[in-house]
């Protein structure tokens, strides 16, 4: 009877950390989609996912931010370990970790209610609160870090002969940056919000795919 040798502890730790990167996106997307479909008054063509943190059930979105943010930070550590030493590894890990930290802060500093959500909120945009302003600031910083991480890893993949992954990373970064710029500008209405929602799903899919790819390479000579 033969036994399969146990992988080294360091490899198991790295795989565990990367595993959080694989599942963080699906957890976030499913949690937001379920809330969007069931929360009274929420309209995905008028309201951003961050606004789900308001109301009696706002704790669900707050928990989603905190949990998936912590998972993203763990994935960043796993990416650093999987890629090994080097500037690309350090930058990619740091930027993705900063994005995870921004998600955690987004859960702490709630977005403001607006445009009829939660029910009872007046139509239109209200005067921003201090926590609403901080939410927007940390979100903008986090999104910028995510976009930068896409391009850093695109360069890494290109240098290592993974052209398809380089294109995927650049496309994700470009689409996300463009969609956020359009939504933040206030033009485009429902189309801008839906485009940004699609870009968020794409970004989470990218992180899941990159984490899964690196997971498969850990311990491979």
N, C-alpha and C. Protein backbone atom coordinates (compact mmCIF):
# COMPACT_ATOMS: atom_id res chain seq x y z
N UNK A 1 0.85 -1.19 0.00
CA UNK A 1 0.00 0.00 0.00
C UNK A 1 0.88 1.25 0.00
N UNK A 2 0.61 2.14 -0.94
CA UNK A 2 1.41 3.37 -1.04
C UNK A 2 0.65 4.53 -0.43
N UNK A 3 1.36 5.46 0.10
CA UNK A 3 0.75 6.65 0.68
C UNK A 3 1.24 7.88 -0.08
N UNK A 4 0.35 8.84 -0.22
CA UNK A 4 0.72 10.08 -0.89
C UNK A 4 1.42 10.99 0.10
N UNK A 5 2.64 11.42 -0.24
CA UNK A 5 3.36 12.28 0.70
C UNK A 5 2.61 13.58 0.95
N UNK A 6 2.64 14.04 2.18
CA UNK A 6 1.96 15.28 2.55
C UNK A 6 2.77 16.46 2.04
N UNK A 7 2.13 17.42 1.37
CA UNK A 7 2.87 18.60 0.89
C UNK A 7 3.51 19.34 2.07
N UNK A 8 4.60 20.03 1.82
CA UNK A 8 5.23 20.82 2.89
C UNK A 8 4.25 21.80 3.50
N UNK A 9 4.46 22.11 4.77
CA UNK A 9 3.56 23.03 5.48
C UNK A 9 3.47 24.38 4.78
N UNK A 10 4.61 24.88 4.30
CA UNK A 10 4.61 26.19 3.65
C UNK A 10 3.69 26.19 2.42
N UNK A 11 3.72 25.11 1.66
CA UNK A 11 2.85 25.02 0.47
C UNK A 11 1.38 24.95 0.88
N UNK A 12 1.09 24.21 1.94
CA UNK A 12 -0.29 24.10 2.40
C UNK A 12 -0.83 25.45 2.88
N UNK A 13 0.01 26.20 3.55
CA UNK A 13 -0.40 27.53 4.01
C UNK A 13 -0.67 28.44 2.81
N UNK A 14 0.23 28.41 1.83
CA UNK A 14 0.06 29.24 0.64
C UNK A 14 -1.22 28.89 -0.10
N UNK A 15 -1.48 27.60 -0.25
CA UNK A 15 -2.71 27.17 -0.93
C UNK A 15 -3.95 27.61 -0.15
N UNK A 16 -3.90 27.53 1.16
CA UNK A 16 -5.04 27.96 1.98
C UNK A 16 -5.31 29.44 1.78
N UNK A 17 -4.25 30.24 1.78
CA UNK A 17 -4.41 31.68 1.58
C UNK A 17 -4.98 31.99 0.20
N UNK A 18 -4.47 31.32 -0.83
CA UNK A 18 -4.97 31.52 -2.18
C UNK A 18 -6.42 31.05 -2.32
N UNK A 19 -6.77 30.04 -1.54
CA UNK A 19 -8.15 29.55 -1.58
C UNK A 19 -9.15 30.62 -1.21
N UNK A 20 -8.76 31.51 -0.30
CA UNK A 20 -9.65 32.62 0.04
C UNK A 20 -9.85 33.54 -1.16
N UNK A 21 -8.82 33.69 -1.97
CA UNK A 21 -8.96 34.50 -3.18
C UNK A 21 -9.90 33.87 -4.18
N UNK A 22 -9.95 32.54 -4.20
CA UNK A 22 -10.85 31.84 -5.12
C UNK A 22 -12.31 32.05 -4.72
N UNK A 23 -12.60 32.02 -3.42
CA UNK A 23 -14.00 32.03 -2.98
C UNK A 23 -14.52 33.41 -2.60
N UNK A 24 -13.64 34.39 -2.41
CA UNK A 24 -14.10 35.71 -1.98
C UNK A 24 -15.09 36.32 -2.98
N UNK A 25 -14.75 36.27 -4.25
CA UNK A 25 -15.60 36.85 -5.28
C UNK A 25 -16.97 36.22 -5.35
N UNK A 26 -17.05 34.88 -5.46
CA UNK A 26 -18.38 34.26 -5.49
C UNK A 26 -19.22 34.59 -4.27
N UNK A 27 -18.60 34.64 -3.08
CA UNK A 27 -19.36 34.99 -1.88
C UNK A 27 -19.92 36.40 -2.00
N UNK A 28 -19.08 37.34 -2.44
CA UNK A 28 -19.53 38.74 -2.57
C UNK A 28 -20.66 38.84 -3.59
N UNK A 29 -20.46 38.27 -4.76
CA UNK A 29 -21.45 38.40 -5.84
C UNK A 29 -22.78 37.76 -5.45
N UNK A 30 -22.73 36.57 -4.87
CA UNK A 30 -23.97 35.89 -4.47
C UNK A 30 -24.69 36.68 -3.38
N UNK A 31 -23.94 37.18 -2.40
CA UNK A 31 -24.55 37.93 -1.30
C UNK A 31 -25.23 39.20 -1.82
N UNK A 32 -24.56 39.93 -2.70
CA UNK A 32 -25.15 41.16 -3.24
C UNK A 32 -26.34 40.84 -4.13
N UNK A 33 -26.22 39.82 -4.98
CA UNK A 33 -27.32 39.46 -5.87
C UNK A 33 -28.56 39.05 -5.08
N UNK A 34 -28.36 38.28 -4.01
CA UNK A 34 -29.49 37.85 -3.19
C UNK A 34 -30.17 39.04 -2.52
N UNK A 35 -29.38 39.98 -2.05
CA UNK A 35 -29.96 41.17 -1.42
C UNK A 35 -30.67 42.04 -2.45
N UNK A 36 -30.05 42.21 -3.61
CA UNK A 36 -30.65 43.04 -4.66
C UNK A 36 -32.01 42.50 -5.09
N UNK A 37 -32.15 41.18 -5.04
CA UNK A 37 -33.39 40.55 -5.48
C UNK A 37 -34.47 40.56 -4.40
N UNK A 38 -34.08 40.76 -3.14
CA UNK A 38 -35.04 40.60 -2.06
C UNK A 38 -35.26 41.85 -1.21
N UNK A 39 -34.33 42.80 -1.24
CA UNK A 39 -34.49 43.98 -0.39
C UNK A 39 -35.51 44.94 -0.99
N UNK A 40 -36.51 45.29 -0.20
CA UNK A 40 -37.57 46.18 -0.66
C UNK A 40 -37.00 47.54 -1.03
N UNK A 41 -37.37 48.00 -2.22
CA UNK A 41 -36.98 49.34 -2.67
C UNK A 41 -35.65 49.42 -3.38
N UNK A 42 -34.88 48.33 -3.37
CA UNK A 42 -33.57 48.39 -4.03
C UNK A 42 -33.73 48.14 -5.52
N UNK A 43 -33.16 49.04 -6.31
CA UNK A 43 -33.21 48.95 -7.76
C UNK A 43 -31.78 48.99 -8.30
N UNK A 44 -31.29 47.87 -8.86
CA UNK A 44 -29.90 47.82 -9.32
C UNK A 44 -29.58 48.77 -10.46
N UNK A 45 -30.61 49.38 -11.06
CA UNK A 45 -30.36 50.39 -12.10
C UNK A 45 -30.24 51.79 -11.51
N UNK A 46 -30.54 51.93 -10.22
CA UNK A 46 -30.48 53.25 -9.58
C UNK A 46 -29.58 53.27 -8.34
N UNK A 47 -29.39 52.13 -7.72
CA UNK A 47 -28.66 52.08 -6.45
C UNK A 47 -27.40 51.23 -6.58
N UNK A 48 -26.34 51.67 -5.90
CA UNK A 48 -25.09 50.90 -5.86
C UNK A 48 -25.16 49.86 -4.76
N UNK A 49 -24.38 48.79 -4.91
CA UNK A 49 -24.38 47.72 -3.91
C UNK A 49 -24.04 48.23 -2.52
N UNK A 50 -23.21 49.26 -2.44
CA UNK A 50 -22.80 49.79 -1.14
C UNK A 50 -23.98 50.29 -0.33
N UNK A 51 -25.04 50.75 -1.00
CA UNK A 51 -26.20 51.28 -0.29
C UNK A 51 -26.98 50.19 0.44
N UNK A 52 -26.72 48.94 0.13
CA UNK A 52 -27.36 47.83 0.84
C UNK A 52 -26.95 47.78 2.30
N UNK A 53 -25.91 48.51 2.67
CA UNK A 53 -25.46 48.55 4.06
C UNK A 53 -26.40 49.36 4.95
N UNK A 54 -27.42 49.96 4.37
CA UNK A 54 -28.39 50.75 5.12
C UNK A 54 -29.66 49.95 5.39
N UNK A 55 -30.42 50.38 6.37
CA UNK A 55 -31.69 49.73 6.69
C UNK A 55 -31.53 48.62 7.71
N UNK A 56 -32.65 48.00 8.07
CA UNK A 56 -32.65 46.96 9.10
C UNK A 56 -31.77 45.77 8.75
N UNK A 57 -31.67 45.47 7.47
CA UNK A 57 -30.86 44.33 7.02
C UNK A 57 -29.50 44.77 6.50
N UNK A 58 -29.13 46.01 6.78
CA UNK A 58 -27.84 46.51 6.30
C UNK A 58 -26.65 45.75 6.83
N UNK A 59 -26.83 45.08 7.98
CA UNK A 59 -25.72 44.31 8.56
C UNK A 59 -25.23 43.21 7.61
N UNK A 60 -26.11 42.75 6.72
CA UNK A 60 -25.69 41.68 5.79
C UNK A 60 -24.61 42.19 4.85
N UNK A 61 -24.84 43.38 4.27
CA UNK A 61 -23.83 43.93 3.36
C UNK A 61 -22.58 44.37 4.12
N UNK A 62 -22.76 44.88 5.32
CA UNK A 62 -21.58 45.23 6.13
C UNK A 62 -20.72 43.99 6.38
N UNK A 63 -21.38 42.89 6.76
CA UNK A 63 -20.64 41.64 6.98
C UNK A 63 -20.00 41.15 5.69
N UNK A 64 -20.69 41.34 4.56
CA UNK A 64 -20.12 40.93 3.27
C UNK A 64 -18.84 41.69 2.98
N UNK A 65 -18.86 43.00 3.21
CA UNK A 65 -17.65 43.80 3.02
C UNK A 65 -16.52 43.32 3.94
N UNK A 66 -16.83 43.12 5.21
CA UNK A 66 -15.79 42.75 6.18
C UNK A 66 -15.19 41.38 5.86
N UNK A 67 -16.05 40.40 5.58
CA UNK A 67 -15.58 39.03 5.34
C UNK A 67 -14.80 38.93 4.04
N UNK A 68 -15.36 39.46 2.96
CA UNK A 68 -14.66 39.33 1.67
C UNK A 68 -13.41 40.22 1.64
N UNK A 69 -13.43 41.33 2.37
CA UNK A 69 -12.22 42.14 2.48
C UNK A 69 -11.11 41.39 3.17
N UNK A 70 -11.43 40.74 4.29
CA UNK A 70 -10.42 39.95 5.01
C UNK A 70 -9.91 38.80 4.14
N UNK A 71 -10.81 38.16 3.38
CA UNK A 71 -10.40 37.09 2.47
C UNK A 71 -9.45 37.61 1.40
N UNK A 72 -9.72 38.81 0.90
CA UNK A 72 -8.87 39.40 -0.14
C UNK A 72 -7.49 39.71 0.40
N UNK A 73 -7.41 40.19 1.64
CA UNK A 73 -6.11 40.43 2.27
C UNK A 73 -5.34 39.11 2.39
N UNK A 74 -6.03 38.05 2.81
CA UNK A 74 -5.38 36.73 2.91
C UNK A 74 -4.88 36.28 1.54
N UNK A 75 -5.70 36.49 0.50
CA UNK A 75 -5.28 36.11 -0.85
C UNK A 75 -4.05 36.88 -1.28
N UNK A 76 -3.97 38.15 -0.88
CA UNK A 76 -2.80 38.96 -1.23
C UNK A 76 -1.53 38.37 -0.65
N UNK A 77 -1.61 37.90 0.59
CA UNK A 77 -0.46 37.25 1.21
C UNK A 77 -0.10 35.97 0.45
N UNK A 78 -1.14 35.22 0.05
CA UNK A 78 -0.90 34.00 -0.72
C UNK A 78 -0.27 34.29 -2.06
N UNK A 79 -0.67 35.36 -2.71
CA UNK A 79 -0.08 35.74 -4.00
C UNK A 79 1.40 36.07 -3.84
N UNK A 80 1.71 36.79 -2.78
CA UNK A 80 3.11 37.12 -2.50
C UNK A 80 3.94 35.86 -2.31
N UNK A 81 3.42 34.91 -1.56
CA UNK A 81 4.14 33.65 -1.30
C UNK A 81 4.25 32.81 -2.57
N UNK A 82 3.18 32.81 -3.39
CA UNK A 82 3.19 31.98 -4.59
C UNK A 82 4.13 32.53 -5.66
N UNK A 83 4.18 33.86 -5.79
CA UNK A 83 5.04 34.47 -6.82
C UNK A 83 6.50 34.52 -6.40
N UNK A 84 6.76 34.47 -5.10
CA UNK A 84 8.14 34.52 -4.63
C UNK A 84 8.67 35.94 -4.57
N UNK A 85 9.95 36.09 -4.31
CA UNK A 85 10.54 37.43 -4.17
C UNK A 85 10.54 38.18 -5.50
N UNK A 86 10.58 39.49 -5.39
CA UNK A 86 10.62 40.33 -6.58
C UNK A 86 9.68 41.51 -6.46
N UNK A 87 9.93 42.54 -7.28
CA UNK A 87 9.13 43.74 -7.20
C UNK A 87 7.69 43.51 -7.66
N UNK A 88 7.51 42.73 -8.72
CA UNK A 88 6.15 42.47 -9.20
C UNK A 88 5.32 41.78 -8.13
N UNK A 89 5.93 40.81 -7.46
CA UNK A 89 5.25 40.09 -6.39
C UNK A 89 4.87 41.02 -5.26
N UNK A 90 5.81 41.86 -4.84
CA UNK A 90 5.55 42.78 -3.73
C UNK A 90 4.47 43.78 -4.08
N UNK A 91 4.54 44.34 -5.29
CA UNK A 91 3.55 45.33 -5.69
C UNK A 91 2.17 44.71 -5.84
N UNK A 92 2.09 43.56 -6.50
CA UNK A 92 0.80 42.91 -6.70
C UNK A 92 0.16 42.57 -5.36
N UNK A 93 0.94 42.00 -4.47
CA UNK A 93 0.43 41.64 -3.15
C UNK A 93 -0.01 42.87 -2.37
N UNK A 94 0.83 43.91 -2.37
CA UNK A 94 0.49 45.12 -1.64
C UNK A 94 -0.76 45.79 -2.15
N UNK A 95 -0.90 45.86 -3.48
CA UNK A 95 -2.06 46.53 -4.07
C UNK A 95 -3.35 45.75 -3.83
N UNK A 96 -3.29 44.43 -3.97
CA UNK A 96 -4.48 43.62 -3.71
C UNK A 96 -4.82 43.64 -2.22
N UNK A 97 -3.80 43.63 -1.38
CA UNK A 97 -4.05 43.74 0.05
C UNK A 97 -4.70 45.07 0.40
N UNK A 98 -4.26 46.15 -0.26
CA UNK A 98 -4.87 47.47 -0.02
C UNK A 98 -6.33 47.48 -0.46
N UNK A 99 -6.62 46.80 -1.57
CA UNK A 99 -8.01 46.70 -2.01
C UNK A 99 -8.85 45.96 -0.97
N UNK A 100 -8.30 44.87 -0.43
CA UNK A 100 -9.02 44.14 0.62
C UNK A 100 -9.24 45.01 1.85
N UNK A 101 -8.22 45.77 2.23
CA UNK A 101 -8.37 46.68 3.36
C UNK A 101 -9.44 47.73 3.11
N UNK A 102 -9.52 48.21 1.86
CA UNK A 102 -10.54 49.20 1.51
C UNK A 102 -11.94 48.61 1.62
N UNK A 103 -12.08 47.33 1.28
CA UNK A 103 -13.38 46.68 1.43
C UNK A 103 -13.80 46.64 2.91
N UNK A 104 -12.84 46.33 3.77
CA UNK A 104 -13.13 46.31 5.20
C UNK A 104 -13.57 47.70 5.67
N UNK A 105 -12.84 48.72 5.26
CA UNK A 105 -13.19 50.09 5.65
C UNK A 105 -14.53 50.52 5.07
N UNK A 106 -14.85 50.02 3.87
CA UNK A 106 -16.14 50.34 3.26
C UNK A 106 -17.30 49.78 4.08
N UNK A 107 -17.02 48.67 4.77
CA UNK A 107 -18.03 48.11 5.66
C UNK A 107 -18.16 48.90 6.96
N UNK A 108 -17.06 49.50 7.38
CA UNK A 108 -17.08 50.29 8.62
C UNK A 108 -17.73 51.65 8.38
N UNK A 109 -17.37 52.29 7.26
CA UNK A 109 -17.93 53.60 6.92
C UNK A 109 -19.01 53.41 5.86
N UNK A 110 -20.26 53.42 6.29
CA UNK A 110 -21.37 53.12 5.39
C UNK A 110 -21.59 54.21 4.34
N UNK A 111 -22.01 53.75 3.15
CA UNK A 111 -22.47 54.69 2.13
C UNK A 111 -23.79 55.29 2.60
N UNK A 112 -24.09 56.48 2.13
CA UNK A 112 -25.32 57.16 2.54
C UNK A 112 -26.55 56.59 1.84
N UNK A 113 -27.69 56.57 2.53
CA UNK A 113 -28.95 56.26 1.84
C UNK A 113 -29.23 57.34 0.80
N UNK A 114 -29.88 56.96 -0.28
CA UNK A 114 -30.22 57.96 -1.29
C UNK A 114 -31.25 57.42 -2.26
N UNK A 115 -31.88 58.33 -2.96
CA UNK A 115 -32.77 58.02 -4.08
C UNK A 115 -33.81 56.94 -3.74
N UNK A 116 -34.41 57.07 -2.56
CA UNK A 116 -35.51 56.19 -2.20
C UNK A 116 -35.13 54.88 -1.55
N UNK A 117 -33.86 54.65 -1.30
CA UNK A 117 -33.46 53.41 -0.61
C UNK A 117 -32.58 53.76 0.58
N UNK A 118 -32.86 53.13 1.75
CA UNK A 118 -34.00 52.25 2.05
C UNK A 118 -35.34 52.99 1.94
N UNK A 119 -36.45 52.23 1.90
CA UNK A 119 -37.76 52.86 1.79
C UNK A 119 -37.95 53.96 2.83
N UNK A 120 -38.45 55.10 2.36
CA UNK A 120 -38.61 56.25 3.24
C UNK A 120 -37.56 57.31 3.01
N UNK A 121 -36.48 56.93 2.32
CA UNK A 121 -35.45 57.91 1.98
C UNK A 121 -35.94 58.81 0.86
N UNK A 122 -35.76 60.12 0.98
CA UNK A 122 -36.23 61.02 -0.09
C UNK A 122 -35.56 60.72 -1.43
N UNK A 123 -36.22 61.08 -2.50
CA UNK A 123 -35.65 60.90 -3.84
C UNK A 123 -34.44 61.82 -4.01
N UNK A 124 -33.54 61.41 -4.91
CA UNK A 124 -32.36 62.21 -5.19
C UNK A 124 -31.23 61.95 -4.20
N UNK A 125 -30.16 62.71 -4.36
CA UNK A 125 -28.98 62.56 -3.53
C UNK A 125 -29.04 63.54 -2.36
N UNK A 126 -28.87 63.02 -1.14
CA UNK A 126 -28.87 63.87 0.04
C UNK A 126 -27.48 64.47 0.26
N UNK A 127 -27.40 65.42 1.18
CA UNK A 127 -26.11 65.99 1.55
C UNK A 127 -25.25 64.88 2.15
N UNK A 128 -24.03 64.66 1.64
CA UNK A 128 -23.22 63.53 2.13
C UNK A 128 -22.83 63.69 3.59
N UNK A 129 -22.87 62.58 4.32
CA UNK A 129 -22.43 62.55 5.72
C UNK A 129 -20.92 62.32 5.75
N UNK A 130 -20.34 62.43 6.94
CA UNK A 130 -18.89 62.21 7.06
C UNK A 130 -18.53 60.77 6.73
N UNK A 131 -19.39 59.82 7.17
CA UNK A 131 -19.06 58.42 6.87
C UNK A 131 -19.32 58.09 5.40
N UNK A 132 -20.29 58.79 4.79
CA UNK A 132 -20.52 58.59 3.36
C UNK A 132 -19.35 59.09 2.53
N UNK A 133 -18.78 60.23 2.94
CA UNK A 133 -17.61 60.76 2.24
C UNK A 133 -16.41 59.83 2.40
N UNK A 134 -16.21 59.33 3.63
CA UNK A 134 -15.10 58.40 3.85
C UNK A 134 -15.29 57.11 3.06
N UNK A 135 -16.53 56.66 2.96
CA UNK A 135 -16.81 55.46 2.17
C UNK A 135 -16.37 55.67 0.73
N UNK A 136 -16.75 56.81 0.16
CA UNK A 136 -16.38 57.07 -1.24
C UNK A 136 -14.87 57.18 -1.40
N UNK A 137 -14.20 57.82 -0.45
CA UNK A 137 -12.74 57.99 -0.55
C UNK A 137 -12.02 56.65 -0.48
N UNK A 138 -12.39 55.80 0.51
CA UNK A 138 -11.70 54.52 0.64
C UNK A 138 -12.03 53.62 -0.55
N UNK A 139 -13.27 53.75 -1.08
CA UNK A 139 -13.63 52.95 -2.25
C UNK A 139 -12.79 53.37 -3.45
N UNK A 140 -12.64 54.67 -3.66
CA UNK A 140 -11.85 55.16 -4.79
C UNK A 140 -10.40 54.70 -4.68
N UNK A 141 -9.84 54.77 -3.48
CA UNK A 141 -8.45 54.32 -3.28
C UNK A 141 -8.36 52.82 -3.54
N UNK A 142 -9.31 52.06 -2.99
CA UNK A 142 -9.29 50.61 -3.19
C UNK A 142 -9.42 50.22 -4.65
N UNK A 143 -10.32 50.90 -5.38
CA UNK A 143 -10.49 50.59 -6.79
C UNK A 143 -9.23 50.92 -7.59
N UNK A 144 -8.58 52.04 -7.23
CA UNK A 144 -7.34 52.40 -7.92
C UNK A 144 -6.27 51.34 -7.69
N UNK A 145 -6.20 50.83 -6.46
CA UNK A 145 -5.23 49.77 -6.15
C UNK A 145 -5.53 48.50 -6.93
N UNK A 146 -6.82 48.16 -7.05
CA UNK A 146 -7.20 46.97 -7.80
C UNK A 146 -6.82 47.10 -9.27
N UNK A 147 -7.09 48.26 -9.85
CA UNK A 147 -6.74 48.47 -11.26
C UNK A 147 -5.22 48.37 -11.45
N UNK A 148 -4.47 49.00 -10.54
CA UNK A 148 -3.01 48.94 -10.63
C UNK A 148 -2.52 47.50 -10.50
N UNK A 149 -3.13 46.73 -9.61
CA UNK A 149 -2.73 45.32 -9.44
C UNK A 149 -2.96 44.52 -10.72
N UNK A 150 -4.05 44.82 -11.43
CA UNK A 150 -4.31 44.14 -12.70
C UNK A 150 -3.17 44.36 -13.68
N UNK A 151 -2.70 45.59 -13.77
CA UNK A 151 -1.63 45.91 -14.73
C UNK A 151 -0.27 45.38 -14.26
N UNK A 152 -0.04 45.37 -12.96
CA UNK A 152 1.21 44.79 -12.44
C UNK A 152 1.27 43.30 -12.76
N UNK A 153 0.18 42.59 -12.52
CA UNK A 153 0.17 41.16 -12.80
C UNK A 153 0.16 40.90 -14.31
N UNK A 154 -0.42 41.80 -15.08
CA UNK A 154 -0.36 41.66 -16.54
C UNK A 154 1.09 41.67 -16.99
N UNK A 155 1.89 42.57 -16.44
CA UNK A 155 3.31 42.64 -16.77
C UNK A 155 4.03 41.37 -16.34
N UNK A 156 3.70 40.89 -15.15
CA UNK A 156 4.31 39.65 -14.65
C UNK A 156 3.99 38.48 -15.58
N UNK A 157 2.72 38.33 -15.94
CA UNK A 157 2.33 37.22 -16.81
C UNK A 157 2.99 37.33 -18.18
N UNK A 158 3.07 38.55 -18.70
CA UNK A 158 3.68 38.75 -20.01
C UNK A 158 5.15 38.33 -19.99
N UNK A 159 5.87 38.69 -18.95
CA UNK A 159 7.28 38.33 -18.83
C UNK A 159 7.50 36.84 -18.67
N UNK A 160 6.47 36.14 -18.18
CA UNK A 160 6.61 34.71 -17.92
C UNK A 160 5.88 33.86 -18.97
N UNK A 161 5.58 34.46 -20.11
CA UNK A 161 5.05 33.70 -21.23
C UNK A 161 3.59 33.34 -21.15
N UNK A 162 2.84 33.97 -20.24
CA UNK A 162 1.41 33.69 -20.11
C UNK A 162 0.63 34.83 -20.77
N UNK A 163 0.65 34.87 -22.09
CA UNK A 163 0.07 35.99 -22.83
C UNK A 163 -1.43 36.12 -22.58
N UNK A 164 -2.14 35.00 -22.53
CA UNK A 164 -3.58 35.05 -22.30
C UNK A 164 -3.93 35.67 -20.96
N UNK A 165 -3.18 35.31 -19.93
CA UNK A 165 -3.42 35.88 -18.61
C UNK A 165 -3.06 37.35 -18.57
N UNK A 166 -2.05 37.74 -19.33
CA UNK A 166 -1.69 39.16 -19.41
C UNK A 166 -2.82 39.97 -20.04
N UNK A 167 -3.40 39.46 -21.12
CA UNK A 167 -4.51 40.15 -21.79
C UNK A 167 -5.72 40.23 -20.85
N UNK A 168 -6.04 39.13 -20.19
CA UNK A 168 -7.16 39.09 -19.25
C UNK A 168 -6.98 40.14 -18.15
N UNK A 169 -5.77 40.24 -17.63
CA UNK A 169 -5.50 41.19 -16.55
C UNK A 169 -5.61 42.63 -17.04
N UNK A 170 -5.04 42.92 -18.21
CA UNK A 170 -5.12 44.29 -18.74
C UNK A 170 -6.57 44.66 -19.05
N UNK A 171 -7.32 43.74 -19.64
CA UNK A 171 -8.71 44.01 -19.98
C UNK A 171 -9.52 44.28 -18.72
N UNK A 172 -9.31 43.48 -17.68
CA UNK A 172 -10.03 43.68 -16.43
C UNK A 172 -9.73 45.05 -15.84
N UNK A 173 -8.44 45.40 -15.79
CA UNK A 173 -8.06 46.70 -15.25
C UNK A 173 -8.65 47.86 -16.04
N UNK A 174 -8.61 47.76 -17.37
CA UNK A 174 -9.12 48.84 -18.22
C UNK A 174 -10.63 49.00 -18.09
N UNK A 175 -11.35 47.88 -18.11
CA UNK A 175 -12.82 47.94 -18.00
C UNK A 175 -13.24 48.48 -16.65
N UNK A 176 -12.57 48.03 -15.60
CA UNK A 176 -12.94 48.49 -14.26
C UNK A 176 -12.67 49.98 -14.11
N UNK A 177 -11.51 50.43 -14.55
CA UNK A 177 -11.17 51.86 -14.44
C UNK A 177 -12.16 52.71 -15.21
N UNK A 178 -12.48 52.31 -16.44
CA UNK A 178 -13.40 53.09 -17.27
C UNK A 178 -14.79 53.13 -16.66
N UNK A 179 -15.28 52.00 -16.17
CA UNK A 179 -16.63 51.95 -15.62
C UNK A 179 -16.75 52.79 -14.36
N UNK A 180 -15.72 52.76 -13.51
CA UNK A 180 -15.77 53.56 -12.29
C UNK A 180 -15.73 55.05 -12.62
N UNK A 181 -14.91 55.42 -13.61
CA UNK A 181 -14.82 56.82 -14.00
C UNK A 181 -16.16 57.32 -14.52
N UNK A 182 -16.85 56.50 -15.30
CA UNK A 182 -18.15 56.90 -15.84
C UNK A 182 -19.17 57.05 -14.72
N UNK A 183 -19.21 56.08 -13.80
CA UNK A 183 -20.19 56.14 -12.72
C UNK A 183 -19.91 57.33 -11.79
N UNK A 184 -18.63 57.55 -11.47
CA UNK A 184 -18.27 58.64 -10.56
C UNK A 184 -18.57 60.00 -11.18
N UNK A 185 -18.57 60.08 -12.50
CA UNK A 185 -18.83 61.36 -13.18
C UNK A 185 -20.29 61.78 -13.07
N UNK A 186 -21.17 60.80 -12.77
CA UNK A 186 -22.59 61.11 -12.64
C UNK A 186 -23.35 61.10 -13.94
N UNK A 187 -22.68 60.78 -15.04
CA UNK A 187 -23.37 60.71 -16.34
C UNK A 187 -23.65 59.25 -16.67
N UNK A 188 -24.59 59.03 -17.56
CA UNK A 188 -24.85 57.67 -18.01
C UNK A 188 -26.03 57.01 -17.34
N UNK A 189 -26.44 57.52 -16.17
CA UNK A 189 -27.62 57.00 -15.50
C UNK A 189 -27.56 55.52 -15.22
N UNK A 190 -28.67 54.83 -15.54
CA UNK A 190 -28.79 53.41 -15.25
C UNK A 190 -27.72 52.59 -15.97
N UNK A 191 -27.39 52.98 -17.20
CA UNK A 191 -26.39 52.24 -17.96
C UNK A 191 -25.03 52.27 -17.26
N UNK A 192 -24.69 53.41 -16.68
CA UNK A 192 -23.41 53.54 -15.99
C UNK A 192 -23.36 52.64 -14.77
N UNK A 193 -24.46 52.59 -14.02
CA UNK A 193 -24.51 51.74 -12.82
C UNK A 193 -24.42 50.27 -13.20
N UNK A 194 -25.14 49.88 -14.24
CA UNK A 194 -25.11 48.48 -14.67
C UNK A 194 -23.74 48.10 -15.22
N UNK A 195 -23.09 49.04 -15.94
CA UNK A 195 -21.75 48.78 -16.45
C UNK A 195 -20.77 48.58 -15.30
N UNK A 196 -20.88 49.41 -14.27
CA UNK A 196 -19.98 49.27 -13.13
C UNK A 196 -20.24 47.96 -12.39
N UNK A 197 -21.50 47.58 -12.26
CA UNK A 197 -21.83 46.31 -11.62
C UNK A 197 -21.19 45.14 -12.38
N UNK A 198 -21.28 45.18 -13.72
CA UNK A 198 -20.66 44.14 -14.53
C UNK A 198 -19.15 44.14 -14.35
N UNK A 199 -18.54 45.33 -14.22
CA UNK A 199 -17.09 45.43 -14.04
C UNK A 199 -16.67 44.86 -12.69
N UNK A 200 -17.50 45.07 -11.66
CA UNK A 200 -17.21 44.50 -10.34
C UNK A 200 -17.21 42.97 -10.42
N UNK A 201 -18.20 42.41 -11.10
CA UNK A 201 -18.25 40.95 -11.27
C UNK A 201 -17.02 40.46 -12.03
N UNK A 202 -16.62 41.19 -13.07
CA UNK A 202 -15.43 40.82 -13.84
C UNK A 202 -14.19 40.85 -12.96
N UNK A 203 -14.05 41.89 -12.13
CA UNK A 203 -12.88 42.01 -11.27
C UNK A 203 -12.81 40.86 -10.26
N UNK A 204 -13.95 40.51 -9.68
CA UNK A 204 -13.96 39.39 -8.74
C UNK A 204 -13.63 38.08 -9.47
N UNK A 205 -14.14 37.92 -10.69
CA UNK A 205 -13.83 36.72 -11.47
C UNK A 205 -12.34 36.65 -11.77
N UNK A 206 -11.74 37.81 -12.06
CA UNK A 206 -10.30 37.87 -12.31
C UNK A 206 -9.50 37.44 -11.09
N UNK A 207 -9.86 37.96 -9.92
CA UNK A 207 -9.14 37.58 -8.71
C UNK A 207 -9.30 36.09 -8.42
N UNK A 208 -10.50 35.56 -8.62
CA UNK A 208 -10.73 34.13 -8.41
C UNK A 208 -9.88 33.30 -9.36
N UNK A 209 -9.86 33.71 -10.64
CA UNK A 209 -9.11 32.96 -11.65
C UNK A 209 -7.61 33.01 -11.40
N UNK A 210 -7.09 34.20 -11.07
CA UNK A 210 -5.66 34.33 -10.79
C UNK A 210 -5.28 33.51 -9.56
N UNK A 211 -6.10 33.58 -8.53
CA UNK A 211 -5.82 32.81 -7.31
C UNK A 211 -5.83 31.31 -7.60
N UNK A 212 -6.79 30.87 -8.42
CA UNK A 212 -6.86 29.45 -8.77
C UNK A 212 -5.65 29.02 -9.59
N UNK A 213 -5.22 29.88 -10.50
CA UNK A 213 -4.05 29.55 -11.32
C UNK A 213 -2.80 29.41 -10.45
N UNK A 214 -2.60 30.35 -9.56
CA UNK A 214 -1.42 30.29 -8.69
C UNK A 214 -1.53 29.12 -7.71
N UNK A 215 -2.74 28.83 -7.26
CA UNK A 215 -2.96 27.67 -6.38
C UNK A 215 -2.45 26.40 -7.04
N UNK A 216 -2.75 26.27 -8.35
CA UNK A 216 -2.34 25.05 -9.08
C UNK A 216 -0.83 24.94 -9.26
N UNK A 217 -0.13 26.08 -9.16
CA UNK A 217 1.31 26.05 -9.38
C UNK A 217 2.13 25.87 -8.11
N UNK A 218 1.49 26.00 -6.95
CA UNK A 218 2.21 25.89 -5.68
C UNK A 218 2.70 24.46 -5.49
N UNK A 219 3.98 24.33 -5.23
CA UNK A 219 4.57 23.01 -5.01
C UNK A 219 4.95 22.27 -6.27
N UNK A 220 4.68 22.87 -7.44
CA UNK A 220 5.03 22.25 -8.72
C UNK A 220 6.43 22.67 -9.10
N UNK A 221 7.29 21.72 -9.32
CA UNK A 221 8.70 22.05 -9.64
C UNK A 221 8.80 22.70 -11.00
